[in-house]
Structures are given as C-alpha cells and as structure tokens.
Amino acid sequence: MKFKLSCGDAVPGCSARFEDESRDAILEQVTRHAREDHGVTDVTPEMLEAIGANIVPA
C-alpha cells in the first residue's frame, strides 16, 4: 500500500508532496524537507507525530 502527504497541510503555501510505500519513508523525506526547505533545525518527536497524523493512503 502506498501512502501520501502534502506539506501544505501543515505549512500553508508549500507545494511539496510525498508518496512512498511506507509511513516511515515519508517521515524521513519530510524530515529532510523540513530542514532543507523550511530551515527547521530540530525536528522533534512531537512534530513527527503531528505530521504522521496527516499521512493518508494514496
């Protein structure tokens, strides 16, 4: 099963979208995206939990 996430659900105006076979793979991609594109230096477990709640089946 594939999963997907739109960064714009958490950060209005961001058009980044992620799709992968696992939720963990998406969270890894989102962590990298948050650091590189949004300047987030510390992605906390609470942030990952909140982001994970937006991951849905593709």
N, C-alpha and C. Protein backbone atom coordinates (compact mmCIF):
# COMPACT_ATOMS: atom_id res chain seq x y z
N MET A 1 0.84 -1.18 0.00
CA MET A 1 0.00 0.00 0.00
C MET A 1 0.88 1.23 0.00
N LYS A 2 0.51 2.20 -0.79
CA LYS A 2 1.23 3.47 -0.82
C LYS A 2 0.56 4.46 0.10
N PHE A 3 1.38 5.41 0.59
CA PHE A 3 0.91 6.47 1.45
C PHE A 3 1.33 7.80 0.84
N LYS A 4 0.64 8.88 1.25
CA LYS A 4 0.99 10.19 0.72
C LYS A 4 0.80 11.26 1.79
N LEU A 5 1.49 12.38 1.55
CA LEU A 5 1.41 13.53 2.45
C LEU A 5 1.68 14.78 1.65
N SER A 6 0.93 15.81 1.92
CA SER A 6 1.15 17.11 1.32
C SER A 6 1.67 18.05 2.40
N CYS A 7 2.83 18.64 2.20
CA CYS A 7 3.40 19.54 3.20
C CYS A 7 2.47 20.72 3.44
N GLY A 8 1.74 21.14 2.42
CA GLY A 8 0.82 22.26 2.56
C GLY A 8 -0.26 22.05 3.61
N ASP A 9 -0.49 20.79 4.01
CA ASP A 9 -1.46 20.54 5.08
C ASP A 9 -0.94 21.06 6.43
N ALA A 10 0.38 21.14 6.56
CA ALA A 10 0.98 21.63 7.80
C ALA A 10 1.57 23.02 7.64
N VAL A 11 2.09 23.31 6.44
CA VAL A 11 2.72 24.60 6.16
C VAL A 11 1.99 25.22 4.96
N PRO A 12 1.03 26.09 5.23
CA PRO A 12 0.27 26.71 4.14
C PRO A 12 1.20 27.34 3.09
N GLY A 13 0.89 27.05 1.84
CA GLY A 13 1.65 27.61 0.74
C GLY A 13 2.75 26.71 0.22
N CYS A 14 3.13 25.66 0.96
CA CYS A 14 4.17 24.75 0.49
C CYS A 14 3.53 23.72 -0.45
N SER A 15 4.13 23.55 -1.60
CA SER A 15 3.56 22.64 -2.60
C SER A 15 4.22 21.26 -2.62
N ALA A 16 5.14 21.00 -1.69
CA ALA A 16 5.83 19.70 -1.66
C ALA A 16 4.85 18.58 -1.33
N ARG A 17 4.99 17.47 -2.06
CA ARG A 17 4.16 16.30 -1.83
C ARG A 17 5.07 15.08 -1.76
N PHE A 18 4.67 14.15 -0.93
CA PHE A 18 5.47 12.94 -0.71
C PHE A 18 4.58 11.72 -0.87
N GLU A 19 5.12 10.69 -1.51
CA GLU A 19 4.39 9.43 -1.68
C GLU A 19 5.40 8.29 -1.62
N ASP A 20 5.09 7.27 -0.83
CA ASP A 20 6.01 6.15 -0.70
C ASP A 20 5.26 4.93 -0.21
N GLU A 21 5.96 3.80 -0.17
CA GLU A 21 5.38 2.53 0.26
C GLU A 21 5.21 2.43 1.77
N SER A 22 5.91 3.27 2.53
CA SER A 22 5.80 3.19 3.99
C SER A 22 5.70 4.57 4.61
N ARG A 23 5.03 4.61 5.75
CA ARG A 23 4.90 5.86 6.51
C ARG A 23 6.27 6.33 6.99
N ASP A 24 7.13 5.39 7.40
CA ASP A 24 8.47 5.76 7.87
C ASP A 24 9.29 6.43 6.78
N ALA A 25 9.19 5.93 5.57
CA ALA A 25 9.93 6.53 4.45
C ALA A 25 9.45 7.96 4.21
N ILE A 26 8.16 8.18 4.32
CA ILE A 26 7.64 9.54 4.14
C ILE A 26 8.15 10.45 5.26
N LEU A 27 8.15 9.96 6.49
CA LEU A 27 8.65 10.79 7.60
C LEU A 27 10.13 11.13 7.41
N GLU A 28 10.92 10.23 6.86
CA GLU A 28 12.33 10.53 6.57
C GLU A 28 12.43 11.63 5.53
N GLN A 29 11.63 11.53 4.47
CA GLN A 29 11.64 12.55 3.42
C GLN A 29 11.19 13.90 3.95
N VAL A 30 10.16 13.89 4.79
CA VAL A 30 9.62 15.13 5.35
C VAL A 30 10.64 15.77 6.29
N THR A 31 11.34 14.96 7.07
CA THR A 31 12.37 15.49 7.96
C THR A 31 13.45 16.22 7.17
N ARG A 32 13.90 15.61 6.09
CA ARG A 32 14.91 16.23 5.22
C ARG A 32 14.35 17.51 4.59
N HIS A 33 13.12 17.45 4.12
CA HIS A 33 12.47 18.62 3.51
C HIS A 33 12.35 19.77 4.52
N ALA A 34 11.94 19.46 5.74
CA ALA A 34 11.78 20.49 6.77
C ALA A 34 13.10 21.20 7.04
N ARG A 35 14.17 20.43 7.08
CA ARG A 35 15.49 21.02 7.34
C ARG A 35 15.98 21.84 6.15
N GLU A 36 15.89 21.28 4.96
CA GLU A 36 16.46 21.91 3.77
C GLU A 36 15.61 23.06 3.24
N ASP A 37 14.30 22.91 3.28
CA ASP A 37 13.44 23.91 2.63
C ASP A 37 12.72 24.86 3.59
N HIS A 38 12.61 24.46 4.84
CA HIS A 38 11.91 25.31 5.80
C HIS A 38 12.82 25.78 6.94
N GLY A 39 14.08 25.36 6.94
CA GLY A 39 15.03 25.81 7.94
C GLY A 39 14.79 25.28 9.34
N VAL A 40 14.05 24.19 9.44
CA VAL A 40 13.79 23.59 10.76
C VAL A 40 15.05 22.85 11.18
N THR A 41 15.66 23.28 12.27
CA THR A 41 16.91 22.67 12.70
C THR A 41 16.70 21.48 13.62
N ASP A 42 15.57 21.42 14.31
CA ASP A 42 15.31 20.32 15.23
C ASP A 42 13.90 19.78 15.00
N VAL A 43 13.82 18.65 14.33
CA VAL A 43 12.53 18.01 14.10
C VAL A 43 12.27 17.11 15.31
N THR A 44 11.34 17.54 16.15
CA THR A 44 11.08 16.84 17.42
C THR A 44 10.14 15.65 17.22
N PRO A 45 10.14 14.73 18.15
CA PRO A 45 9.19 13.61 18.08
C PRO A 45 7.73 14.10 18.03
N GLU A 46 7.44 15.19 18.72
CA GLU A 46 6.08 15.74 18.69
C GLU A 46 5.72 16.24 17.30
N MET A 47 6.68 16.86 16.63
CA MET A 47 6.44 17.31 15.25
C MET A 47 6.18 16.12 14.35
N LEU A 48 7.00 15.08 14.48
CA LEU A 48 6.82 13.89 13.64
C LEU A 48 5.47 13.23 13.90
N GLU A 49 5.03 13.23 15.15
CA GLU A 49 3.72 12.66 15.47
C GLU A 49 2.61 13.47 14.80
N ALA A 50 2.71 14.78 14.86
CA ALA A 50 1.70 15.65 14.24
C ALA A 50 1.70 15.49 12.72
N ILE A 51 2.89 15.41 12.14
CA ILE A 51 2.99 15.22 10.69
C ILE A 51 2.44 13.86 10.31
N GLY A 52 2.79 12.84 11.08
CA GLY A 52 2.33 11.48 10.80
C GLY A 52 0.82 11.37 10.78
N ALA A 53 0.15 12.20 11.54
CA ALA A 53 -1.33 12.17 11.56
C ALA A 53 -1.93 12.60 10.23
N ASN A 54 -1.12 13.29 9.39
CA ASN A 54 -1.59 13.74 8.08
C ASN A 54 -1.26 12.79 6.95
N ILE A 55 -0.54 11.71 7.24
CA ILE A 55 -0.20 10.72 6.21
C ILE A 55 -1.43 9.86 5.96
N VAL A 56 -1.82 9.76 4.70
CA VAL A 56 -3.03 9.01 4.35
C VAL A 56 -2.72 8.00 3.24
N PRO A 57 -3.54 6.98 3.09
CA PRO A 57 -3.35 6.05 1.97
C PRO A 57 -3.45 6.78 0.64
N ALA A 58 -2.60 6.38 -0.29
CA ALA A 58 -2.60 7.01 -1.61
C ALA A 58 -3.68 6.43 -2.49
